[in-house]
Amino acid sequence: MELYQKIVNARKQKGLTQEQLADLSKVTVRTIQRIENGAGTPRAYTLKMIATALELNFEELVATAGADDSLTHPGNKRILPDYGESKHFLRVLCLSCFSYLVVPFIHFLIPNHLLKKSNETDPAIIAFAKKTIRIQLYWKISLWLLMFGTLAYNLIMAAYFQKSYLLNYLVPFFIMYFLNAIIISTSLVRIRKMDSIVKPSC
């Protein structure tokens, strides 16, 4: 019996829907659907979570599927996350950072909310997401400091040097906006090259 057939049968015997299985196994419904359709080979970590939710023996589940050594002997290799789902999650998180274009001073709360609501458990993926959020927080603080610095400069120049030419607040504002777009775009490029985020060890 194929892996996907075994999972479908076990789920139906439990009387679970794909959504319920996704909740129990802490993976997305999309992942469950892809596995049950026999599309691609799921990661060992994902299979282990599904096996636990269905109260199946992980080794027997994998052995039935005729999986390779990295699955049948999880102690020999590091159990890997489902990179496809992780990359999708990180893309969404990074794209949510573009909300700074609308709400520049509280936008970091959006990716932070996505991280809290996600079922991601891989430490490397979580670390990357947290770093992305921290960078957005640092960007917000830097923007505030730069705007206050511009205000202070203009006040000093006007009060003590009677300068009529003052810095336009839009200049540092748009510079910081452009810089953040580059930062977020760079993160999206890194996500595309998943190895730069997670380097599995044998």
Protein backbone atom coordinates (compact mmCIF):
# COMPACT_ATOMS: atom_id res chain seq x y z
CA MET A 1 0.00 0.00 0.00
CA GLU A 2 1.30 3.44 -0.92
CA LEU A 3 2.06 6.03 1.75
CA TYR A 4 -0.77 8.36 0.73
CA GLN A 5 -3.26 5.48 0.75
CA LYS A 6 -2.24 4.46 4.25
CA ILE A 7 -2.67 8.02 5.51
CA VAL A 8 -6.04 8.46 3.79
CA ASN A 9 -7.32 5.15 5.21
CA ALA A 10 -6.10 5.95 8.71
CA ARG A 11 -7.67 9.40 8.61
CA LYS A 12 -11.02 8.04 7.45
CA GLN A 13 -10.94 5.29 10.07
CA LYS A 14 -10.49 8.00 12.69
CA GLY A 15 -13.42 9.88 11.19
CA LEU A 16 -11.29 12.99 10.63
CA THR A 17 -11.50 15.56 7.90
CA GLN A 18 -8.35 16.90 6.26
CA GLU A 19 -8.80 20.13 8.22
CA GLN A 20 -9.04 18.25 11.53
CA LEU A 21 -5.95 16.19 10.72
CA ALA A 22 -4.08 19.36 9.82
CA ASP A 23 -4.98 20.88 13.20
CA LEU A 24 -3.96 17.76 15.11
CA SER A 25 -0.67 17.31 13.28
CA LYS A 26 0.21 21.03 13.31
CA VAL A 27 0.69 21.23 9.54
CA THR A 28 -1.33 23.07 6.91
CA VAL A 29 -4.36 21.68 5.11
CA ARG A 30 -2.47 22.23 1.88
CA THR A 31 0.24 19.83 3.08
CA ILE A 32 -2.32 17.16 3.97
CA GLN A 33 -4.00 17.52 0.58
CA ARG A 34 -0.70 17.29 -1.27
CA ILE A 35 0.34 14.16 0.64
CA GLU A 36 -3.04 12.44 0.16
CA ASN A 37 -2.89 13.20 -3.55
CA GLY A 38 0.48 11.50 -3.74
CA ALA A 39 2.14 14.71 -4.94
CA GLY A 40 5.82 14.57 -3.99
CA THR A 41 7.57 13.01 -1.03
CA PRO A 42 6.80 14.55 2.36
CA ARG A 43 9.60 15.29 4.83
CA ALA A 44 10.25 12.96 7.75
CA TYR A 45 9.25 15.64 10.25
CA THR A 46 5.88 16.12 8.57
CA LEU A 47 5.25 12.36 8.45
CA LYS A 48 6.13 12.03 12.12
CA MET A 49 3.60 14.72 13.09
CA ILE A 50 0.89 13.07 10.97
CA ALA A 51 1.70 9.60 12.34
CA THR A 52 1.40 10.93 15.90
CA ALA A 53 -1.95 12.58 15.12
CA LEU A 54 -3.27 9.35 13.57
CA GLU A 55 -1.77 7.19 16.34
CA LEU A 56 0.31 5.27 13.82
CA ASN A 57 3.79 3.87 14.29
CA PHE A 58 6.17 6.17 12.43
CA GLU A 59 8.63 3.42 11.43
CA GLU A 60 5.87 1.17 10.12
CA LEU A 61 4.31 4.02 8.19
CA VAL A 62 7.59 4.88 6.51
CA ALA A 63 8.61 1.27 5.93
CA THR A 64 5.32 0.65 4.18
CA ALA A 65 6.06 3.58 1.89
CA GLY A 66 9.45 2.12 0.99
CA ALA A 67 11.17 5.30 2.10
CA ASP A 68 14.90 5.94 2.05
CA ASP A 69 17.30 5.62 5.00
CA SER A 70 16.90 9.22 6.05
CA LEU A 71 13.25 8.40 6.86
CA THR A 72 13.39 4.80 8.06
CA HIS A 73 16.29 5.60 10.36
CA PRO A 74 15.62 9.11 11.59
CA GLY A 75 18.45 8.84 14.11
CA ASN A 76 21.00 8.67 11.29
CA LYS A 77 20.10 12.05 9.83
CA ARG A 78 18.63 15.28 11.01
CA ILE A 79 14.87 15.24 10.52
CA LEU A 80 14.10 18.02 8.05
CA PRO A 81 11.08 20.32 7.97
CA ASP A 82 8.77 20.60 5.02
CA TYR A 83 10.75 23.22 3.11
CA GLY A 84 7.93 23.91 0.66
CA GLU A 85 5.56 24.96 3.42
CA SER A 86 8.32 26.78 5.31
CA LYS A 87 9.27 28.79 2.24
CA HIS A 88 5.64 29.71 1.65
CA PHE A 89 5.28 30.83 5.28
CA LEU A 90 8.45 32.94 5.12
CA ARG A 91 7.38 34.53 1.83
CA VAL A 92 4.04 35.54 3.32
CA LEU A 93 5.76 36.86 6.44
CA CYS A 94 8.22 38.93 4.40
CA LEU A 95 5.54 40.26 2.07
CA SER A 96 3.53 41.33 5.11
CA CYS A 97 6.45 43.58 6.04
CA PHE A 98 5.53 45.75 3.04
CA SER A 99 2.63 46.96 5.18
CA TYR A 100 5.11 49.66 6.30
CA LEU A 101 3.99 51.50 3.17
CA VAL A 102 0.62 52.03 4.87
CA VAL A 103 1.29 51.76 8.60
CA PRO A 104 5.02 52.44 9.02
CA PHE A 105 5.08 52.63 12.82
CA ILE A 106 3.15 49.48 13.77
CA HIS A 107 3.61 47.33 10.67
CA PHE A 108 5.99 44.92 12.43
CA LEU A 109 3.00 43.66 14.45
CA ILE A 110 1.59 42.01 11.33
CA PRO A 111 4.51 39.58 10.66
CA ASN A 112 4.77 39.05 14.41
CA HIS A 113 1.11 37.97 14.47
CA LEU A 114 1.69 35.62 11.52
CA LEU A 115 4.59 33.99 13.35
CA LYS A 116 2.56 33.45 16.51
CA LYS A 117 -0.32 31.94 14.53
CA SER A 118 1.89 29.67 12.43
CA ASN A 119 2.50 26.00 13.17
CA GLU A 120 6.17 26.31 12.26
CA THR A 121 8.45 24.35 14.61
CA ASP A 122 11.80 24.28 12.81
CA PRO A 123 14.27 26.39 14.87
CA ALA A 124 16.10 27.73 11.81
CA ILE A 125 12.89 28.88 10.15
CA ILE A 126 11.63 30.50 13.36
CA ALA A 127 14.99 32.21 13.87
CA PHE A 128 14.86 33.63 10.34
CA ALA A 129 11.30 34.89 10.90
CA LYS A 130 12.23 36.52 14.22
CA LYS A 131 15.28 38.16 12.66
CA THR A 132 13.07 39.57 9.89
CA ILE A 133 10.70 41.03 12.49
CA ARG A 134 13.60 42.47 14.52
CA ILE A 135 14.99 44.17 11.42
CA GLN A 136 11.61 45.81 10.83
CA LEU A 137 11.53 46.97 14.44
CA TYR A 138 15.03 48.43 14.08
CA TRP A 139 13.94 50.12 10.85
CA LYS A 140 11.00 51.74 12.62
CA ILE A 141 13.24 53.03 15.43
CA SER A 142 15.78 54.31 12.90
CA LEU A 143 13.04 56.12 11.00
CA TRP A 144 11.85 57.82 14.17
CA LEU A 145 15.38 58.85 15.14
CA LEU A 146 16.11 60.19 11.67
CA MET A 147 12.91 62.24 11.60
CA PHE A 148 13.61 63.64 15.09
CA GLY A 149 17.18 64.35 14.04
CA THR A 150 15.93 66.27 11.02
CA LEU A 151 13.56 68.25 13.25
CA ALA A 152 16.36 69.05 15.70
CA TYR A 153 18.68 70.13 12.89
CA ASN A 154 16.04 72.42 11.40
CA LEU A 155 15.25 73.99 14.77
CA ILE A 156 18.92 74.62 15.56
CA MET A 157 19.65 76.06 12.13
CA ALA A 158 16.62 78.34 12.29
CA ALA A 159 17.06 79.48 15.88
CA TYR A 160 20.82 79.97 16.11
CA PHE A 161 22.02 80.47 12.54
CA GLN A 162 18.96 82.10 10.98
CA LYS A 163 19.16 79.70 8.04
CA SER A 164 16.24 79.94 5.68
CA TYR A 165 17.09 76.69 3.89
CA LEU A 166 16.04 73.71 6.01
CA LEU A 167 16.05 69.98 5.38
CA ASN A 168 12.88 68.64 3.81
CA TYR A 169 11.37 65.90 5.99
CA LEU A 170 10.37 63.95 2.90
CA VAL A 171 14.02 63.35 1.95
CA PRO A 172 14.96 61.09 4.92
CA PHE A 173 11.46 59.65 4.87
CA PHE A 174 11.66 58.39 1.30
CA ILE A 175 15.28 57.27 1.73
CA MET A 176 14.25 55.03 4.62
CA TYR A 177 11.25 53.73 2.66
CA PHE A 178 13.46 52.81 -0.28
CA LEU A 179 16.01 51.18 2.04
CA ASN A 180 13.38 49.00 3.68
CA ALA A 181 12.07 47.86 0.29
CA ILE A 182 15.61 46.68 -0.51
CA ILE A 183 15.89 44.92 2.87
CA ILE A 184 12.62 43.02 2.40
CA SER A 185 13.43 42.14 -1.21
CA THR A 186 16.80 40.75 -0.11
CA SER A 187 15.04 38.52 2.42
CA LEU A 188 12.72 37.23 -0.30
CA VAL A 189 15.73 36.34 -2.43
CA ARG A 190 17.26 34.45 0.49
CA ILE A 191 14.04 32.51 0.97
CA ARG A 192 14.17 31.45 -2.66
CA LYS A 193 17.59 29.99 -1.91
CA MET A 194 16.48 27.88 1.03
CA ASP A 195 19.98 26.52 1.73
CA SER A 196 21.07 29.93 2.91
CA ILE A 197 18.52 29.68 5.74
CA VAL A 198 18.66 26.00 6.67
CA LYS A 199 21.75 23.92 6.08
CA PRO A 200 20.91 20.32 6.97
CA SER A 201 23.66 18.27 8.57
CA CYS A 202 24.17 14.57 8.02
